[in-house]
Each structure stands twice: as structure tokens, then as C-alpha cells.
Amino acid sequence: MSRNLKISAALVAVFILAVTVLLGLDDDRSAAPGATADAALVRDDSHRLSTAEDGRVTLVEFLDFECESCRAAYPFIEQLRERYAGEVTFVARYFPMPGHANAENAAVAVEAAAQQGELEAMYHRMYETQLEWGERQDSQAALFRTFAADLGLDMAAYDAAVADPATLERVLRDREDGLALGVEGTPTFFLNGEKLEVSSTDEFIERIDAALAG
């Protein structure tokens, strides 16, 4: 049975926008000097959006919730998660870009939600609302707090997590790993440890299928 997904022309167009970032056309090369030698592609505490029991195929995305290309790729990644449920492990790692004023705030909010088991709900909320808060220069932390309240989180615990320096440190450790692995922009994907550079959604799918067949 064919694994090809039915993807709209509009989705292909926005995904190609994301691909320009994967190929380094909209990157952050100034971040490279901060790279470290002890990077890990997937750590024990890395966030797995979906998990394949056999562990043979893993797709890792370094993402920025304020990045327009990440939002463009988001519907496609959700389609992939549905299509490859139980076959591919999908890992999301934070990579807030310095040029985005609220990228760190958004990642901290997602991490604070993750501490209450609501990573995925907040992950979805960030992309679904990005047009409301993206590119704003003032802090959107208060808005993100309303997202947490809407999800029914323990707000005292959420506030404590946001204020805890360890939460931001957890976010920045992902970014440091990405820098050391050669990540220069978002979204950047790694498939079974190899940086994935593709020019279309079809090629993206073909690479996953090849990994599953290997």
C-alpha cells in the first residue's frame, strides 16, 4: 500500500517556505560560535510527541514557536504523525532564535506545561495562535499564561515553573545541542541521526519510507 499522503497545493507551498530554512537560506549563522562538543540529538528527557515501540526510525525537529516556517511545516508534521503512528518516533526540541522576541517565552511556557503533562496541548496552542502574538516586540508571557489557564493547568505550579531558572536552562540546553549539531535555522530535521535536507514534501515522505524499509 502506498504511503503517500494527500497534501494540498497550499500546504506544499508553505512547506517549501520551510524547506528554504532547512537548506540554510534563512539561518542564524551568528549562533555557531556557541556550539559545544557534548551535543546529543535525543536526550533522555527530550520531548517525544509520538513514540514507535521498535525505535527504528526517529525524526527530530529543532523548532521555534515564533518561526513562520515552523508554523508552515506544522500541519505537514501533524499529517506525518498520523500516517506513521506507531512506526516513527517524533521528537520536538526547542531552538528559540535570537531574532524572535518571544521565542524563549513561548518555549518556557511550553516547557512549564510539559511539567504538568500538557506539552502537546501547549505545543498545538502556540502554533494555532502564532499570528496573534508572533513578531510582537513586547513580552507575550501574560498571553501564554492565559493559554495555560485555558488548558486547566495548576497555575501556581505553572507560575513557579516559568519563574524557575531551571526551566529556561532546559530550553537553552536543547538550543545548545542544536548549535553543536550544526543547526543554523528553524525548522531543522534529523532523520535517524542524519540532517534532512529535502526540496519537497514527497521527498520528505520518501526518505521516511526508505528509513522504515531499511
Protein backbone atom coordinates (compact mmCIF):
# COMPACT_ATOMS: atom_id res chain seq x y z
CA MET A 1 0.00 0.00 0.00
CA SER A 2 1.35 3.45 -0.90
CA ARG A 3 2.44 5.63 1.99
CA ASN A 4 1.99 8.87 0.05
CA LEU A 5 -0.14 11.45 1.82
CA LYS A 6 -2.71 13.62 0.10
CA ILE A 7 -1.33 17.10 0.63
CA SER A 8 -2.96 20.24 -0.71
CA ALA A 9 -1.14 22.57 -3.06
CA ALA A 10 -1.33 25.29 -0.44
CA LEU A 11 0.32 23.06 2.13
CA VAL A 12 3.07 22.17 -0.32
CA ALA A 13 3.68 25.88 -0.89
CA VAL A 14 4.05 26.70 2.79
CA PHE A 15 6.21 23.65 3.34
CA ILE A 16 8.56 24.75 0.58
CA LEU A 17 8.91 28.00 2.54
CA ALA A 18 10.05 25.91 5.49
CA VAL A 19 12.44 23.97 3.28
CA THR A 20 14.29 27.19 2.43
CA VAL A 21 15.22 27.33 6.08
CA LEU A 22 16.32 23.71 6.12
CA LEU A 23 18.67 24.49 3.24
CA GLY A 24 20.14 27.44 5.10
CA LEU A 25 18.56 30.31 3.16
CA ASP A 26 17.12 31.92 6.31
CA ASP A 27 19.51 30.95 9.04
CA ASP A 28 21.27 32.30 12.12
CA ARG A 29 24.94 31.70 11.46
CA SER A 30 25.91 34.12 14.21
CA ALA A 31 24.89 31.46 16.73
CA ALA A 32 27.50 28.90 15.65
CA PRO A 33 30.34 30.07 17.96
CA GLY A 34 28.30 28.94 20.96
CA ALA A 35 28.41 25.30 19.90
CA THR A 36 29.62 22.72 22.38
CA ALA A 37 31.26 19.35 21.89
CA ASP A 38 28.88 17.30 24.03
CA ALA A 39 25.72 17.58 21.93
CA ALA A 40 23.05 14.92 21.92
CA LEU A 41 20.42 14.55 19.24
CA VAL A 42 17.93 12.93 21.61
CA ARG A 43 18.35 13.06 25.38
CA ASP A 44 16.50 11.00 27.96
CA ASP A 45 14.28 13.99 28.76
CA SER A 46 13.74 15.08 25.14
CA HIS A 47 10.06 15.52 24.33
CA ARG A 48 8.56 12.76 22.23
CA LEU A 49 5.32 13.77 20.55
CA SER A 50 4.81 10.22 19.24
CA THR A 51 6.73 7.05 20.03
CA ALA A 52 7.35 3.94 17.96
CA GLU A 53 7.86 0.90 20.14
CA ASP A 54 10.54 -0.63 17.91
CA GLY A 55 12.57 2.59 17.94
CA ARG A 56 13.92 2.00 14.44
CA VAL A 57 13.02 5.39 12.95
CA THR A 58 13.21 8.73 14.75
CA LEU A 59 12.50 12.18 13.33
CA VAL A 60 13.84 15.06 15.41
CA GLU A 61 12.75 18.65 14.80
CA PHE A 62 14.53 21.69 16.19
CA LEU A 63 11.82 24.34 16.27
CA ASP A 64 10.97 27.89 17.25
CA PHE A 65 7.32 28.56 18.10
CA GLU A 66 7.60 32.12 16.73
CA CYS A 67 9.12 30.96 13.44
CA GLU A 68 6.74 31.35 10.48
CA SER A 69 8.41 28.47 8.63
CA CYS A 70 7.90 26.19 11.63
CA ARG A 71 4.22 27.11 11.63
CA ALA A 72 4.13 26.44 7.88
CA ALA A 73 5.62 22.98 8.41
CA TYR A 74 3.42 22.20 11.43
CA PRO A 75 0.33 20.87 9.53
CA PHE A 76 2.52 18.61 7.44
CA ILE A 77 4.30 17.22 10.50
CA GLU A 78 0.92 16.54 12.09
CA GLN A 79 -0.11 14.62 8.96
CA LEU A 80 3.10 12.62 9.16
CA ARG A 81 2.44 11.82 12.81
CA GLU A 82 -0.99 10.50 11.92
CA ARG A 83 0.24 8.49 8.95
CA TYR A 84 3.24 6.97 10.71
CA ALA A 85 1.64 6.46 14.13
CA GLY A 86 3.39 3.58 15.87
CA GLU A 87 6.11 3.45 13.21
CA VAL A 88 8.10 6.66 13.68
CA THR A 89 9.15 8.45 16.86
CA PHE A 90 8.70 12.22 16.56
CA VAL A 91 10.88 14.33 18.86
CA ALA A 92 10.45 18.08 19.35
CA ARG A 93 13.41 20.12 20.57
CA TYR A 94 13.45 23.81 21.36
CA PHE A 95 15.56 26.17 19.27
CA PRO A 96 14.43 29.74 20.06
CA MET A 97 16.02 32.13 17.58
CA PRO A 98 17.65 35.31 18.94
CA GLY A 99 15.76 37.48 16.46
CA HIS A 100 12.36 36.46 17.84
CA ALA A 101 11.45 38.47 20.92
CA ASN A 102 9.03 35.90 22.35
CA ALA A 103 10.62 32.66 21.20
CA GLU A 104 12.15 31.92 24.60
CA ASN A 105 8.95 32.97 26.42
CA ALA A 106 6.94 30.61 24.26
CA ALA A 107 9.34 27.71 24.77
CA VAL A 108 9.38 28.30 28.54
CA ALA A 109 5.58 28.29 28.57
CA VAL A 110 5.51 25.01 26.66
CA GLU A 111 8.12 23.51 28.98
CA ALA A 112 6.15 24.66 32.03
CA ALA A 113 3.07 22.96 30.58
CA ALA A 114 5.13 19.85 29.86
CA GLN A 115 5.93 19.61 33.56
CA GLN A 116 2.20 19.06 34.09
CA GLY A 117 1.86 16.55 31.26
CA GLU A 118 0.42 19.06 28.78
CA LEU A 119 3.33 19.52 26.39
CA GLU A 120 1.39 18.60 23.28
CA ALA A 121 -1.64 20.73 24.10
CA MET A 122 0.51 23.82 24.58
CA TYR A 123 2.62 22.94 21.52
CA HIS A 124 -0.55 22.95 19.40
CA ARG A 125 -1.80 26.16 21.00
CA MET A 126 1.39 28.04 20.21
CA TYR A 127 1.22 27.29 16.50
CA GLU A 128 -2.53 27.79 16.28
CA THR A 129 -2.22 31.28 17.79
CA GLN A 130 1.12 32.38 16.36
CA LEU A 131 -0.49 35.00 14.12
CA GLU A 132 -1.83 36.71 17.25
CA TRP A 133 1.47 37.11 19.05
CA GLY A 134 4.30 36.41 16.63
CA GLU A 135 6.63 39.28 15.72
CA ARG A 136 5.47 41.32 18.72
CA GLN A 137 8.35 43.07 20.47
CA ASP A 138 6.68 43.27 23.88
CA SER A 139 6.56 40.22 26.12
CA GLN A 140 3.68 37.87 25.45
CA ALA A 141 4.22 35.89 28.67
CA ALA A 142 0.88 37.07 30.06
CA LEU A 143 -0.92 35.79 26.97
CA PHE A 144 0.85 32.46 27.24
CA ARG A 145 -0.31 32.28 30.84
CA THR A 146 -3.92 32.54 29.63
CA PHE A 147 -3.23 29.56 27.37
CA ALA A 148 -2.11 27.60 30.43
CA ALA A 149 -5.24 28.60 32.31
CA ASP A 150 -7.42 27.57 29.35
CA LEU A 151 -5.78 24.14 29.47
CA GLY A 152 -6.74 23.80 33.13
CA LEU A 153 -3.19 23.75 34.44
CA ASP A 154 -2.35 24.26 38.10
CA MET A 155 -1.49 27.93 37.76
CA ALA A 156 0.59 28.14 40.92
CA ALA A 157 2.75 25.32 39.62
CA TYR A 158 2.84 26.87 36.15
CA ASP A 159 3.94 30.26 37.52
CA ALA A 160 6.60 28.59 39.65
CA ALA A 161 7.93 26.68 36.63
CA VAL A 162 8.05 29.80 34.46
CA ALA A 163 9.93 31.68 37.20
CA ASP A 164 12.35 28.81 37.87
CA PRO A 165 15.67 29.43 36.04
CA ALA A 166 15.92 25.67 35.51
CA THR A 167 13.01 25.81 33.07
CA LEU A 168 14.79 28.26 30.79
CA GLU A 169 18.00 26.27 31.23
CA ARG A 170 16.15 23.19 29.96
CA VAL A 171 15.04 25.14 26.87
CA LEU A 172 18.51 26.53 26.20
CA ARG A 173 20.14 23.12 26.57
CA ASP A 174 18.11 21.99 23.57
CA ARG A 175 19.33 25.02 21.67
CA GLU A 176 22.95 24.37 22.66
CA ASP A 177 22.67 20.80 21.42
CA GLY A 178 21.24 22.08 18.16
CA LEU A 179 24.07 24.55 17.68
CA ALA A 180 26.66 21.84 18.27
CA LEU A 181 24.88 19.61 15.76
CA GLY A 182 25.04 22.30 13.10
CA VAL A 183 21.52 23.67 13.34
CA GLU A 184 21.52 27.18 11.87
CA GLY A 185 17.82 27.88 11.39
CA THR A 186 14.37 26.51 12.03
CA PRO A 187 12.81 24.14 11.36
CA THR A 188 15.71 21.70 11.06
CA PHE A 189 15.03 17.98 10.95
CA PHE A 190 17.19 14.94 11.60
CA LEU A 191 16.06 11.51 10.43
CA ASN A 192 17.81 8.67 12.23
CA GLY A 193 20.67 10.98 13.10
CA GLU A 194 21.14 12.46 9.63
CA LYS A 195 20.32 16.09 8.89
CA LEU A 196 17.39 16.01 6.50
CA GLU A 197 17.64 18.34 3.51
CA VAL A 198 14.76 17.94 1.06
CA SER A 199 13.12 20.02 -1.65
CA SER A 200 9.53 18.77 -1.44
CA THR A 201 7.02 17.04 0.78
CA ASP A 202 7.17 13.99 -1.50
CA GLU A 203 10.91 13.71 -0.97
CA PHE A 204 10.42 14.08 2.77
CA ILE A 205 7.98 11.16 2.73
CA GLU A 206 10.25 9.09 0.51
CA ARG A 207 13.09 9.49 2.99
CA ILE A 208 10.93 8.30 5.85
CA ASP A 209 9.67 5.35 3.82
CA ALA A 210 13.27 4.42 2.94
CA ALA A 211 14.24 4.53 6.61
CA LEU A 212 11.32 2.27 7.51
CA ALA A 213 12.21 -0.14 4.72
CA GLY A 214 15.88 -0.24 5.61
